[in-house]
Amino acid sequence: MMRQIVTETVLESSKASEDKTKSSHLQCYWFPTSVGFGSLLFLTHWLFGEVSIVTRWTVSRYPDHGPMPYPWGCVILLSLATGVVLSVSQSLANNILWWVVGCLSLIGLYWLPTWKAFAYGSILATYTMSIWPEMLDRLTTCPPVKSLLTVMLTYLVEIFFSVWTVAYNFVPGGVYTREHTDYLILCVMVCIGLALFSKRK
């Protein structure tokens, strides 16, 4: 009798874990996932390819220049490491409030002056690294060829647009894109949101 109960319990627990594994590896919609991952790749390269980039974004006029790359770049490095630690929580990456925090931190970095912008940039560093594993997990369930082509196309278009925002007016379309990094910020965060919150099939 006892052996039967133990056997049934073990079988039920193994079946439950198997169902959980299957549900976590359901296929995602490949297009929003690919565009979102390309945007995440761009965001990571754009702002955190070198730890002093955030401090340079926050530079203001004399007398308050804002944080210097050294030692304040170390804070960005610590924020990135904190994001890696938080990335073990799948529920955090899929939380819409956490995505809103990411959006507000990028907006704060862009619009606020010096130290306030730096604080928002540190939060953005944590957010960016915390969603990497979830995005990678979603991407691995998508068809590889068309997904990776879309990822790289998205990444390259966003890099091109980041340069286009400083284009002179004689550059085709430059009159519409000049000094409009806000368009790029909106595009990046919306694409990441679409990837994170599109339901698995």
Protein backbone atom coordinates (compact mmCIF):
# COMPACT_ATOMS: atom_id res chain seq x y z
CA MET A 1 0.00 0.00 0.00
CA MET A 2 2.76 2.43 1.01
CA ARG A 3 4.82 1.53 -2.06
CA GLN A 4 1.79 2.26 -4.31
CA ILE A 5 1.25 5.68 -2.72
CA VAL A 6 4.93 6.60 -3.14
CA THR A 7 4.90 5.41 -6.77
CA GLU A 8 1.78 7.44 -7.56
CA THR A 9 3.26 10.53 -5.90
CA VAL A 10 6.50 10.23 -7.88
CA LEU A 11 4.60 9.71 -11.15
CA GLU A 12 2.37 12.74 -10.50
CA SER A 13 5.32 14.99 -9.64
CA SER A 14 7.28 13.90 -12.73
CA LYS A 15 4.21 14.47 -14.92
CA ALA A 16 3.71 17.94 -13.40
CA SER A 17 7.36 18.88 -14.01
CA GLU A 18 7.14 17.56 -17.58
CA ASP A 19 4.00 19.65 -18.23
CA LYS A 20 5.73 22.71 -16.78
CA THR A 21 8.75 22.16 -19.06
CA LYS A 22 6.52 21.80 -22.10
CA SER A 23 4.56 24.96 -21.28
CA SER A 24 7.77 26.97 -20.78
CA HIS A 25 9.04 25.89 -24.21
CA LEU A 26 5.93 26.70 -26.20
CA GLN A 27 6.77 28.40 -29.46
CA CYS A 28 6.60 32.20 -29.54
CA TYR A 29 5.39 34.33 -32.42
CA TRP A 30 8.65 34.71 -34.30
CA PHE A 31 8.28 38.23 -35.72
CA PRO A 32 7.64 40.29 -32.55
CA THR A 33 10.16 38.14 -30.67
CA SER A 34 12.83 38.72 -33.32
CA VAL A 35 12.20 42.46 -33.59
CA GLY A 36 12.24 42.75 -29.79
CA PHE A 37 15.48 40.80 -29.47
CA GLY A 38 17.10 42.96 -32.18
CA SER A 39 16.02 46.04 -30.22
CA LEU A 40 17.42 44.61 -26.99
CA LEU A 41 20.71 43.86 -28.74
CA PHE A 42 20.80 47.43 -30.06
CA LEU A 43 19.94 48.95 -26.65
CA THR A 44 22.69 46.95 -24.93
CA HIS A 45 25.27 47.97 -27.54
CA TRP A 46 24.06 51.57 -27.81
CA LEU A 47 24.17 52.45 -24.10
CA PHE A 48 26.22 49.79 -22.37
CA GLY A 49 28.85 48.80 -24.91
CA GLU A 50 31.20 50.86 -22.73
CA VAL A 51 30.36 51.71 -19.13
CA SER A 52 31.12 55.43 -19.46
CA ILE A 53 28.53 56.06 -22.21
CA VAL A 54 25.75 56.74 -19.69
CA THR A 55 27.91 59.34 -17.89
CA ARG A 56 28.59 61.08 -21.21
CA TRP A 57 24.86 61.20 -21.99
CA THR A 58 24.31 63.14 -18.77
CA VAL A 59 26.88 65.89 -19.39
CA SER A 60 25.56 69.40 -18.75
CA ARG A 61 26.91 72.93 -18.79
CA TYR A 62 29.37 74.48 -16.34
CA PRO A 63 29.54 74.40 -13.31
CA ASP A 64 27.77 71.02 -12.90
CA HIS A 65 29.17 68.68 -15.53
CA GLY A 66 27.49 65.63 -14.01
CA PRO A 67 29.15 62.32 -13.13
CA MET A 68 32.59 61.63 -14.55
CA PRO A 69 33.35 58.31 -16.29
CA TYR A 70 35.67 57.37 -13.45
CA PRO A 71 34.60 56.35 -10.82
CA TRP A 72 30.91 56.54 -11.78
CA GLY A 73 31.25 54.05 -14.62
CA CYS A 74 31.73 51.46 -11.87
CA VAL A 75 28.16 52.16 -10.71
CA ILE A 76 26.88 51.26 -14.18
CA LEU A 77 28.95 48.07 -14.08
CA LEU A 78 27.41 47.17 -10.70
CA SER A 79 23.93 47.93 -12.06
CA LEU A 80 24.55 45.60 -15.00
CA ALA A 81 25.71 42.90 -12.57
CA THR A 82 22.57 43.43 -10.47
CA GLY A 83 20.48 42.90 -13.60
CA VAL A 84 22.28 39.60 -14.23
CA VAL A 85 21.42 38.49 -10.67
CA LEU A 86 17.76 39.51 -11.12
CA SER A 87 17.57 37.73 -14.47
CA VAL A 88 17.00 34.38 -12.74
CA SER A 89 13.44 35.54 -12.05
CA GLN A 90 11.35 34.84 -15.16
CA SER A 91 8.30 36.46 -13.58
CA LEU A 92 10.17 39.76 -13.22
CA ALA A 93 11.06 39.91 -16.93
CA ASN A 94 7.42 39.19 -17.85
CA ASN A 95 6.02 41.78 -15.45
CA ILE A 96 4.50 44.75 -17.28
CA LEU A 97 5.35 47.07 -14.35
CA TRP A 98 9.03 46.15 -14.73
CA TRP A 99 8.80 47.01 -18.44
CA VAL A 100 7.24 50.38 -17.51
CA VAL A 101 10.20 50.94 -15.14
CA GLY A 102 12.52 50.24 -18.10
CA CYS A 103 10.64 52.72 -20.29
CA LEU A 104 10.67 55.45 -17.65
CA SER A 105 14.37 54.92 -16.96
CA LEU A 106 15.26 55.36 -20.65
CA ILE A 107 13.06 58.46 -20.84
CA GLY A 108 14.67 59.83 -17.66
CA LEU A 109 18.16 59.21 -19.02
CA TYR A 110 17.30 61.09 -22.21
CA TRP A 111 15.43 64.10 -20.81
CA LEU A 112 16.69 64.75 -17.29
CA PRO A 113 19.92 66.60 -16.41
CA THR A 114 23.17 65.26 -14.90
CA TRP A 115 22.76 63.21 -11.71
CA LYS A 116 19.06 62.48 -12.14
CA ALA A 117 19.72 61.14 -15.63
CA PHE A 118 22.58 59.06 -14.29
CA ALA A 119 20.32 57.50 -11.64
CA TYR A 120 17.79 56.56 -14.33
CA GLY A 121 20.60 55.20 -16.50
CA SER A 122 21.67 52.91 -13.64
CA ILE A 123 18.11 51.58 -13.34
CA LEU A 124 18.02 51.05 -17.11
CA ALA A 125 21.25 49.03 -16.91
CA THR A 126 19.65 46.72 -14.34
CA TYR A 127 16.47 46.39 -16.42
CA THR A 128 18.35 45.65 -19.65
CA MET A 129 20.39 42.79 -18.22
CA SER A 130 17.45 41.33 -16.29
CA ILE A 131 15.43 40.56 -19.44
CA TRP A 132 18.22 38.97 -21.53
CA PRO A 133 17.63 35.32 -20.48
CA GLU A 134 13.86 35.56 -21.03
CA MET A 135 14.34 37.08 -24.48
CA LEU A 136 16.92 34.44 -25.40
CA ASP A 137 14.58 31.71 -24.19
CA ARG A 138 11.80 33.06 -26.38
CA LEU A 139 14.09 33.43 -29.40
CA THR A 140 15.26 29.80 -29.17
CA THR A 141 11.68 28.61 -29.75
CA CYS A 142 11.42 30.52 -33.05
CA PRO A 143 12.40 29.37 -36.56
CA PRO A 144 16.16 30.07 -36.64
CA VAL A 145 16.84 31.46 -40.12
CA LYS A 146 14.08 34.02 -40.52
CA SER A 147 14.26 34.95 -36.83
CA LEU A 148 18.00 35.71 -36.84
CA LEU A 149 17.71 37.58 -40.15
CA THR A 150 14.97 39.75 -38.62
CA VAL A 151 17.06 40.27 -35.46
CA MET A 152 20.04 41.52 -37.45
CA LEU A 153 17.90 43.65 -39.78
CA THR A 154 16.24 45.33 -36.78
CA TYR A 155 19.61 45.89 -35.11
CA LEU A 156 21.14 47.44 -38.24
CA VAL A 157 18.12 49.66 -38.97
CA GLU A 158 18.20 51.01 -35.41
CA ILE A 159 21.96 51.64 -35.61
CA PHE A 160 21.40 53.48 -38.89
CA PHE A 161 18.61 55.55 -37.36
CA SER A 162 20.76 56.45 -34.32
CA VAL A 163 23.26 58.00 -36.76
CA TRP A 164 20.50 59.54 -38.87
CA THR A 165 19.31 61.60 -35.88
CA VAL A 166 22.44 63.77 -36.25
CA ALA A 167 22.17 64.04 -40.04
CA TYR A 168 22.34 67.37 -41.77
CA ASN A 169 19.18 68.62 -43.43
CA PHE A 170 20.51 67.88 -46.94
CA VAL A 171 20.62 64.14 -46.09
CA PRO A 172 17.43 62.49 -47.44
CA GLY A 173 14.86 62.53 -44.63
CA GLY A 174 17.26 64.38 -42.33
CA VAL A 175 14.81 67.22 -41.81
CA TYR A 176 12.40 64.75 -40.15
CA THR A 177 14.87 62.72 -38.08
CA ARG A 178 17.39 65.32 -36.91
CA GLU A 179 17.52 65.56 -33.10
CA HIS A 180 14.76 62.96 -32.77
CA THR A 181 16.36 60.28 -30.64
CA ASP A 182 12.96 60.18 -28.90
CA TYR A 183 11.55 58.37 -31.96
CA LEU A 184 14.24 55.72 -31.56
CA ILE A 185 13.62 55.37 -27.82
CA LEU A 186 9.91 54.84 -28.46
CA CYS A 187 10.58 52.25 -31.16
CA VAL A 188 13.09 50.27 -29.06
CA MET A 189 10.92 50.03 -25.95
CA VAL A 190 7.72 49.22 -27.86
CA CYS A 191 9.50 46.43 -29.76
CA ILE A 192 10.89 44.98 -26.52
CA GLY A 193 7.41 45.15 -24.96
CA LEU A 194 5.83 43.39 -27.94
CA ALA A 195 8.39 40.60 -27.66
CA LEU A 196 7.94 40.12 -23.92
CA PHE A 197 4.16 40.24 -23.87
CA SER A 198 3.24 38.38 -27.04
CA LYS A 199 1.72 35.08 -25.91
CA ARG A 200 3.35 31.76 -26.63
CA LYS A 201 1.58 29.41 -29.04
